Amino acid sequence: MFSTLSTFRKHEFEKHGLCAVEDPQVFNQYGYFKFGIQLMQKLNLLKYVIHVVINSWLHFYKIL
């Protein structure tokens, strides 16, 4: 869909990040993605998603 990583980032920023440029931490494309990575690390989203998925599987197999 996107020919380069740069075109993907441009698309994502234009679609989802432009409303965030008023925030001093997110004033451009670099700041938008940097803030997203920092937020993901702070909230530990990967650990949370893995926890939810595993618990969902366990619950599903208990029902069977």
PDB file of N, CA and C in Angstrom:
ATOM      1  N   MET A   1       0.814  -1.190   0.000  1.00  0.00           N
ATOM      2  CA  MET A   1       0.000   0.000   0.000  1.00  0.00           C
ATOM      3  C   MET A   1       0.865   1.263   0.000  1.00  0.00           C
ATOM      4  N   PHE A   2       1.892   1.277   0.836  1.00  0.00           N
ATOM      5  CA  PHE A   2       2.795   2.420   0.884  1.00  0.00           C
ATOM      6  C   PHE A   2       4.141   1.978   0.336  1.00  0.00           C
ATOM      7  N   SER A   3       4.697   2.787  -0.530  1.00  0.00           N
ATOM      8  CA  SER A   3       5.944   2.392  -1.187  1.00  0.00           C
ATOM      9  C   SER A   3       7.159   2.504  -0.266  1.00  0.00           C
ATOM     10  N   THR A   4       7.092   3.395   0.709  1.00  0.00           N
ATOM     11  CA  THR A   4       8.215   3.556   1.639  1.00  0.00           C
ATOM     12  C   THR A   4       7.692   3.809   3.048  1.00  0.00           C
ATOM     13  N   LEU A   5       8.573   3.648   4.015  1.00  0.00           N
ATOM     14  CA  LEU A   5       8.223   3.957   5.396  1.00  0.00           C
ATOM     15  C   LEU A   5       7.881   5.436   5.538  1.00  0.00           C
ATOM     16  N   SER A   6       8.568   6.255   4.786  1.00  0.00           N
ATOM     17  CA  SER A   6       8.328   7.694   4.833  1.00  0.00           C
ATOM     18  C   SER A   6       6.909   8.043   4.385  1.00  0.00           C
ATOM     19  N   THR A   7       6.436   7.405   3.323  1.00  0.00           N
ATOM     20  CA  THR A   7       5.067   7.693   2.862  1.00  0.00           C
ATOM     21  C   THR A   7       4.038   7.169   3.858  1.00  0.00           C
ATOM     22  N   PHE A   8       4.337   6.056   4.514  1.00  0.00           N
ATOM     23  CA  PHE A   8       3.441   5.537   5.547  1.00  0.00           C
ATOM     24  C   PHE A   8       3.346   6.515   6.713  1.00  0.00           C
ATOM     25  N   ARG A   9       4.511   6.991   7.196  1.00  0.00           N
ATOM     26  CA  ARG A   9       4.512   7.940   8.312  1.00  0.00           C
ATOM     27  C   ARG A   9       3.781   9.222   7.943  1.00  0.00           C
ATOM     28  N   LYS A  10       4.001   9.695   6.728  1.00  0.00           N
ATOM     29  CA  LYS A  10       3.329  10.915   6.270  1.00  0.00           C
ATOM     30  C   LYS A  10       1.820  10.724   6.292  1.00  0.00           C
ATOM     31  N   HIS A  11       1.358   9.602   5.781  1.00  0.00           N
ATOM     32  CA  HIS A  11      -0.075   9.313   5.756  1.00  0.00           C
ATOM     33  C   HIS A  11      -0.645   9.259   7.177  1.00  0.00           C
ATOM     34  N   GLU A  12       0.020   8.529   8.061  1.00  0.00           N
ATOM     35  CA  GLU A  12      -0.476   8.370   9.428  1.00  0.00           C
ATOM     36  C   GLU A  12      -0.521   9.712  10.158  1.00  0.00           C
ATOM     37  N   PHE A  13       0.518  10.523   9.974  1.00  0.00           N
ATOM     38  CA  PHE A  13       0.545  11.823  10.634  1.00  0.00           C
ATOM     39  C   PHE A  13      -0.557  12.721  10.097  1.00  0.00           C
ATOM     40  N   GLU A  14      -0.739  12.741   8.781  1.00  0.00           N
ATOM     41  CA  GLU A  14      -1.774  13.594   8.195  1.00  0.00           C
ATOM     42  C   GLU A  14      -3.173  13.128   8.591  1.00  0.00           C
ATOM     43  N   LYS A  15      -3.362  11.838   8.730  1.00  0.00           N
ATOM     44  CA  LYS A  15      -4.683  11.300   9.070  1.00  0.00           C
ATOM     45  C   LYS A  15      -4.972  11.379  10.573  1.00  0.00           C
ATOM     46  N   HIS A  16      -3.982  11.122  11.414  1.00  0.00           N
ATOM     47  CA  HIS A  16      -4.224  10.995  12.847  1.00  0.00           C
ATOM     48  C   HIS A  16      -3.473  12.010  13.706  1.00  0.00           C
ATOM     49  N   GLY A  17      -2.447  12.631  13.188  1.00  0.00           N
ATOM     50  CA  GLY A  17      -1.587  13.451  14.033  1.00  0.00           C
ATOM     51  C   GLY A  17      -1.767  14.947  13.926  1.00  0.00           C
ATOM     52  N   LEU A  18      -2.428  15.416  12.884  1.00  0.00           N
ATOM     53  CA  LEU A  18      -2.517  16.863  12.693  1.00  0.00           C
ATOM     54  C   LEU A  18      -3.256  17.564  13.822  1.00  0.00           C
ATOM     55  N   CYS A  19      -4.234  16.901  14.421  1.00  0.00           N
ATOM     56  CA  CYS A  19      -4.967  17.531  15.524  1.00  0.00           C
ATOM     57  C   CYS A  19      -4.096  17.659  16.771  1.00  0.00           C
ATOM     58  N   ALA A  20      -3.001  16.929  16.825  1.00  0.00           N
ATOM     59  CA  ALA A  20      -2.141  16.937  18.008  1.00  0.00           C
ATOM     60  C   ALA A  20      -1.038  17.984  17.928  1.00  0.00           C
ATOM     61  N   VAL A  21      -0.893  18.674  16.803  1.00  0.00           N
ATOM     62  CA  VAL A  21       0.238  19.595  16.650  1.00  0.00           C
ATOM     63  C   VAL A  21       0.155  20.793  17.581  1.00  0.00           C
ATOM     64  N   GLU A  22      -0.999  21.041  18.173  1.00  0.00           N
ATOM     65  CA  GLU A  22      -1.107  22.150  19.123  1.00  0.00           C
ATOM     66  C   GLU A  22      -0.396  21.827  20.435  1.00  0.00           C
ATOM     67  N   ASP A  23      -0.188  20.558  20.713  1.00  0.00           N
ATOM     68  CA  ASP A  23       0.530  20.138  21.916  1.00  0.00           C
ATOM     69  C   ASP A  23       2.022  20.367  21.687  1.00  0.00           C
ATOM     70  N   PRO A  24       2.716  21.023  22.621  1.00  0.00           N
ATOM     71  CA  PRO A  24       4.144  21.298  22.422  1.00  0.00           C
ATOM     72  C   PRO A  24       5.008  20.043  22.265  1.00  0.00           C
ATOM     73  N   GLN A  25       4.564  18.901  22.804  1.00  0.00           N
ATOM     74  CA  GLN A  25       5.332  17.663  22.660  1.00  0.00           C
ATOM     75  C   GLN A  25       5.152  17.054  21.275  1.00  0.00           C
ATOM     76  N   VAL A  26       4.097  17.433  20.593  1.00  0.00           N
ATOM     77  CA  VAL A  26       3.744  16.794  19.317  1.00  0.00           C
ATOM     78  C   VAL A  26       3.594  17.885  18.259  1.00  0.00           C
ATOM     79  N   PHE A  27       4.657  18.584  17.967  1.00  0.00           N
ATOM     80  CA  PHE A  27       4.542  19.721  17.059  1.00  0.00           C
ATOM     81  C   PHE A  27       4.873  19.382  15.612  1.00  0.00           C
ATOM     82  N   ASN A  28       5.309  18.167  15.365  1.00  0.00           N
ATOM     83  CA  ASN A  28       5.603  17.747  13.992  1.00  0.00           C
ATOM     84  C   ASN A  28       5.513  16.222  13.909  1.00  0.00           C
ATOM     85  N   GLN A  29       5.823  15.697  12.748  1.00  0.00           N
ATOM     86  CA  GLN A  29       5.722  14.253  12.524  1.00  0.00           C
ATOM     87  C   GLN A  29       6.632  13.474  13.474  1.00  0.00           C
ATOM     88  N   TYR A  30       7.847  13.931  13.661  1.00  0.00           N
ATOM     89  CA  TYR A  30       8.787  13.258  14.558  1.00  0.00           C
ATOM     90  C   TYR A  30       8.238  13.224  15.989  1.00  0.00           C
ATOM     91  N   GLY A  31       7.768  14.370  16.460  1.00  0.00           N
ATOM     92  CA  GLY A  31       7.225  14.454  17.810  1.00  0.00           C
ATOM     93  C   GLY A  31       6.001  13.580  18.001  1.00  0.00           C
ATOM     94  N   TYR A  32       5.184  13.475  16.969  1.00  0.00           N
ATOM     95  CA  TYR A  32       3.977  12.643  17.025  1.00  0.00           C
ATOM     96  C   TYR A  32       4.337  11.182  17.268  1.00  0.00           C
ATOM     97  N   PHE A  33       5.268  10.657  16.470  1.00  0.00           N
ATOM     98  CA  PHE A  33       5.642   9.253  16.614  1.00  0.00           C
ATOM     99  C   PHE A  33       6.463   9.018  17.886  1.00  0.00           C
ATOM    100  N   LYS A  34       7.312   9.971  18.249  1.00  0.00           N
ATOM    101  CA  LYS A  34       8.091   9.843  19.484  1.00  0.00           C
ATOM    102  C   LYS A  34       7.159   9.793  20.693  1.00  0.00           C
ATOM    103  N   PHE A  35       6.164  10.666  20.717  1.00  0.00           N
ATOM    104  CA  PHE A  35       5.206  10.689  21.818  1.00  0.00           C
ATOM    105  C   PHE A  35       4.426   9.375  21.882  1.00  0.00           C
ATOM    106  N   GLY A  36       4.043   8.851  20.728  1.00  0.00           N
ATOM    107  CA  GLY A  36       3.328   7.575  20.678  1.00  0.00           C
ATOM    108  C   GLY A  36       4.150   6.430  21.244  1.00  0.00           C
ATOM    109  N   ILE A  37       5.426   6.398  20.899  1.00  0.00           N
ATOM    110  CA  ILE A  37       6.313   5.345  21.411  1.00  0.00           C
ATOM    111  C   ILE A  37       6.493   5.492  22.918  1.00  0.00           C
ATOM    112  N   GLN A  38       6.684   6.724  23.385  1.00  0.00           N
ATOM    113  CA  GLN A  38       6.851   6.945  24.820  1.00  0.00           C
ATOM    114  C   GLN A  38       5.594   6.552  25.592  1.00  0.00           C
ATOM    115  N   LEU A  39       4.441   6.876  25.038  1.00  0.00           N
ATOM    116  CA  LEU A  39       3.183   6.524  25.684  1.00  0.00           C
ATOM    117  C   LEU A  39       3.005   5.011  25.733  1.00  0.00           C
ATOM    118  N   MET A  40       3.339   4.343  24.641  1.00  0.00           N
ATOM    119  CA  MET A  40       3.234   2.887  24.591  1.00  0.00           C
ATOM    120  C   MET A  40       4.140   2.252  25.652  1.00  0.00           C
ATOM    121  N   GLN A  41       5.358   2.774  25.786  1.00  0.00           N
ATOM    122  CA  GLN A  41       6.290   2.236  26.778  1.00  0.00           C
ATOM    123  C   GLN A  41       5.808   2.519  28.201  1.00  0.00           C
ATOM    124  N   LYS A  42       5.287   3.710  28.416  1.00  0.00           N
ATOM    125  CA  LYS A  42       4.825   4.090  29.753  1.00  0.00           C
ATOM    126  C   LYS A  42       3.636   3.239  30.188  1.00  0.00           C
ATOM    127  N   LEU A  43       2.716   3.010  29.294  1.00  0.00           N
ATOM    128  CA  LEU A  43       1.520   2.246  29.630  1.00  0.00           C
ATOM    129  C   LEU A  43       1.732   0.745  29.519  1.00  0.00           C
ATOM    130  N   ASN A  44       2.856   0.347  28.943  1.00  0.00           N
ATOM    131  CA  ASN A  44       3.185  -1.066  28.745  1.00  0.00           C
ATOM    132  C   ASN A  44       2.047  -1.783  28.018  1.00  0.00           C
ATOM    133  N   LEU A  45       1.643  -1.222  26.888  1.00  0.00           N
ATOM    134  CA  LEU A  45       0.496  -1.741  26.148  1.00  0.00           C
ATOM    135  C   LEU A  45       0.691  -3.168  25.667  1.00  0.00           C
ATOM    136  N   LEU A  46       1.892  -3.518  25.266  1.00  0.00           N
ATOM    137  CA  LEU A  46       2.121  -4.874  24.771  1.00  0.00           C
ATOM    138  C   LEU A  46       1.840  -5.897  25.873  1.00  0.00           C
ATOM    139  N   LYS A  47       2.309  -5.633  27.069  1.00  0.00           N
ATOM    140  CA  LYS A  47       2.052  -6.539  28.192  1.00  0.00           C
ATOM    141  C   LYS A  47       0.552  -6.647  28.455  1.00  0.00           C
ATOM    142  N   TYR A  48      -0.150  -5.534  28.406  1.00  0.00           N
ATOM    143  CA  TYR A  48      -1.594  -5.528  28.640  1.00  0.00           C
ATOM    144  C   TYR A  48      -2.329  -6.331  27.574  1.00  0.00           C
ATOM    145  N   VAL A  49      -1.981  -6.118  26.312  1.00  0.00           N
ATOM    146  CA  VAL A  49      -2.638  -6.836  25.215  1.00  0.00           C
ATOM    147  C   VAL A  49      -2.388  -8.336  25.340  1.00  0.00           C
ATOM    148  N   ILE A  50      -1.160  -8.723  25.624  1.00  0.00           N
ATOM    149  CA  ILE A  50      -0.844 -10.143  25.794  1.00  0.00           C
ATOM    150  C   ILE A  50      -1.663 -10.725  26.944  1.00  0.00           C
ATOM    151  N   HIS A  51      -1.763  -9.999  28.040  1.00  0.00           N
ATOM    152  CA  HIS A  51      -2.545 -10.452  29.191  1.00  0.00           C
ATOM    153  C   HIS A  51      -4.009 -10.662  28.806  1.00  0.00           C
ATOM    154  N   VAL A  52      -4.584  -9.708  28.100  1.00  0.00           N
ATOM    155  CA  VAL A  52      -5.991  -9.809  27.694  1.00  0.00           C
ATOM    156  C   VAL A  52      -6.198 -10.984  26.748  1.00  0.00           C
ATOM    157  N   VAL A  53      -5.320 -11.144  25.782  1.00  0.00           N
ATOM    158  CA  VAL A  53      -5.460 -12.233  24.807  1.00  0.00           C
ATOM    159  C   VAL A  53      -5.347 -13.589  25.500  1.00  0.00           C
ATOM    160  N   ILE A  54      -4.356 -13.757  26.347  1.00  0.00           N
ATOM    161  CA  ILE A  54      -4.167 -15.043  27.032  1.00  0.00           C
ATOM    162  C   ILE A  54      -5.366 -15.351  27.927  1.00  0.00           C
ATOM    163  N   ASN A  55      -5.836 -14.359  28.675  1.00  0.00           N
ATOM    164  CA  ASN A  55      -6.999 -14.594  29.534  1.00  0.00           C
ATOM    165  C   ASN A  55      -8.242 -14.907  28.717  1.00  0.00           C
ATOM    166  N   SER A  56      -8.389 -14.288  27.566  1.00  0.00           N
ATOM    167  CA  SER A  56      -9.528 -14.581  26.691  1.00  0.00           C
ATOM    168  C   SER A  56      -9.464 -16.019  26.211  1.00  0.00           C
ATOM    169  N   TRP A  57      -8.280 -16.461  25.811  1.00  0.00           N
ATOM    170  CA  TRP A  57      -8.117 -17.845  25.352  1.00  0.00           C
ATOM    171  C   TRP A  57      -8.429 -18.824  26.480  1.00  0.00           C
ATOM    172  N   LEU A  58      -7.893 -18.536  27.670  1.00  0.00           N
ATOM    173  CA  LEU A  58      -8.129 -19.428  28.804  1.00  0.00           C
ATOM    174  C   LEU A  58      -9.616 -19.511  29.131  1.00  0.00           C
ATOM    175  N   HIS A  59     -10.284 -18.383  29.113  1.00  0.00           N
ATOM    176  CA  HIS A  59     -11.722 -18.352  29.381  1.00  0.00           C
ATOM    177  C   HIS A  59     -12.479 -19.130  28.308  1.00  0.00           C
ATOM    178  N   PHE A  60     -12.103 -18.951  27.063  1.00  0.00           N
ATOM    179  CA  PHE A  60     -12.762 -19.643  25.952  1.00  0.00           C
ATOM    180  C   PHE A  60     -12.621 -21.156  26.100  1.00  0.00           C
ATOM    181  N   TYR A  61     -11.420 -21.624  26.418  1.00  0.00           N
ATOM    182  CA  TYR A  61     -11.201 -23.068  26.521  1.00  0.00           C
ATOM    183  C   TYR A  61     -11.828 -23.668  27.781  1.00  0.00           C
ATOM    184  N   LYS A  62     -12.030 -22.861  28.831  1.00  0.00           N
ATOM    185  CA  LYS A  62     -12.752 -23.346  30.009  1.00  0.00           C
ATOM    186  C   LYS A  62     -14.208 -23.631  29.665  1.00  0.00           C
ATOM    187  N   ILE A  63     -14.774 -22.787  28.802  1.00  0.00           N
ATOM    188  CA  ILE A  63     -16.172 -22.947  28.395  1.00  0.00           C
ATOM    189  C   ILE A  63     -16.346 -24.238  27.616  1.00  0.00           C
ATOM    190  N   LEU A  64     -15.375 -24.576  26.777  1.00  0.00           N
ATOM    191  CA  LEU A  64     -15.464 -25.799  25.981  1.00  0.00           C
ATOM    192  C   LEU A  64     -15.320 -26.977  26.892  1.00  0.00           C
TER     193      LEU A  64
END
